[in-house]
Amino acid sequence: MLRGHPWVYRSDLMTLPDAEHDGEPMPLKDARNRFVGMGIYNSKSQIPWRCYSRGERPLDQAFIEESVAAALR
């Protein structure tokens, strides 16, 4: 993720949230506790975190509408 990849492998994470958070948007922070991006979490995957934003954005209707409009442009 730090080099521009939109995902993080399980082996790259220091801790993993519980499976009860599967499908939830979650922030990713580096080893120095600096914000890296927002992503969707899946505890069952070898790629448990997939980025949807490099900014601190909720995954809400406004974000989806803006993303679809940008893709259509």
Protein backbone atom coordinates (compact mmCIF):
# COMPACT_ATOMS: atom_id res chain seq x y z
CA MET A 1 0.00 0.00 0.00
CA LEU A 2 2.81 2.41 0.79
CA ARG A 3 4.14 1.99 -2.75
CA GLY A 4 0.78 2.54 -4.41
CA HIS A 5 -0.76 -0.94 -4.29
CA PRO A 6 -4.49 -0.86 -3.48
CA TRP A 7 -4.32 -3.85 -1.12
CA VAL A 8 -2.39 -5.28 1.80
CA TYR A 9 -1.44 -8.93 2.26
CA ARG A 10 -2.18 -10.72 5.52
CA SER A 11 1.55 -11.24 6.12
CA ASP A 12 2.11 -7.46 6.00
CA LEU A 13 -0.23 -6.71 8.88
CA MET A 14 0.93 -6.63 12.49
CA THR A 15 -2.55 -7.35 13.89
CA LEU A 16 -5.85 -8.44 12.36
CA PRO A 17 -9.28 -7.23 13.47
CA ASP A 18 -11.84 -9.86 14.44
CA ALA A 19 -13.97 -11.52 11.75
CA GLU A 20 -16.99 -9.63 13.05
CA HIS A 21 -15.58 -6.63 11.12
CA ASP A 22 -15.64 -8.40 7.73
CA GLY A 23 -17.06 -6.15 5.04
CA GLU A 24 -16.60 -2.99 7.08
CA PRO A 25 -14.65 0.08 5.97
CA MET A 26 -11.52 0.39 8.11
CA PRO A 27 -8.59 2.79 8.25
CA LEU A 28 -5.09 1.44 7.69
CA LYS A 29 -2.19 2.89 9.66
CA ASP A 30 1.50 2.21 9.24
CA ALA A 31 3.90 1.03 11.94
CA ARG A 32 4.28 4.66 13.11
CA ASN A 33 0.49 4.99 13.47
CA ARG A 34 0.21 7.30 10.43
CA PHE A 35 -2.95 7.11 8.34
CA VAL A 36 -2.44 5.35 4.99
CA GLY A 37 -5.95 4.95 3.57
CA MET A 38 -9.44 3.56 3.96
CA GLY A 39 -10.33 0.06 2.83
CA ILE A 40 -12.72 -2.84 3.16
CA TYR A 41 -11.69 -5.62 5.55
CA ASN A 42 -12.08 -9.40 5.01
CA SER A 43 -10.54 -11.71 7.62
CA LYS A 44 -10.93 -14.78 5.39
CA SER A 45 -8.73 -13.47 2.57
CA GLN A 46 -4.97 -13.51 2.06
CA ILE A 47 -5.57 -9.88 1.03
CA PRO A 48 -7.64 -8.79 4.04
CA TRP A 49 -7.57 -5.03 3.34
CA ARG A 50 -8.43 -3.44 -0.02
CA CYS A 51 -8.19 0.31 -0.45
CA TYR A 52 -11.08 2.44 -1.66
CA SER A 53 -9.66 5.86 -0.69
CA ARG A 54 -6.29 7.40 0.19
CA GLY A 55 -8.17 9.99 2.24
CA GLU A 56 -10.22 9.60 5.40
CA ARG A 57 -13.57 9.07 3.70
CA PRO A 58 -16.56 7.06 4.87
CA LEU A 59 -17.90 4.56 2.36
CA ASP A 60 -21.27 6.25 2.05
CA GLN A 61 -23.69 7.14 -0.71
CA ALA A 62 -21.94 10.45 -1.42
CA PHE A 63 -18.60 8.70 -1.91
CA ILE A 64 -20.14 6.10 -4.24
CA GLU A 65 -21.98 8.75 -6.28
CA GLU A 66 -18.79 10.81 -6.66
CA SER A 67 -16.81 7.73 -7.66
CA VAL A 68 -19.34 6.64 -10.27
CA ALA A 69 -19.57 10.19 -11.68
CA ALA A 70 -15.77 10.40 -11.91
CA ALA A 71 -15.62 7.02 -13.67
CA LEU A 72 -18.27 8.11 -16.18
CA ARG A 73 -16.31 11.29 -16.97
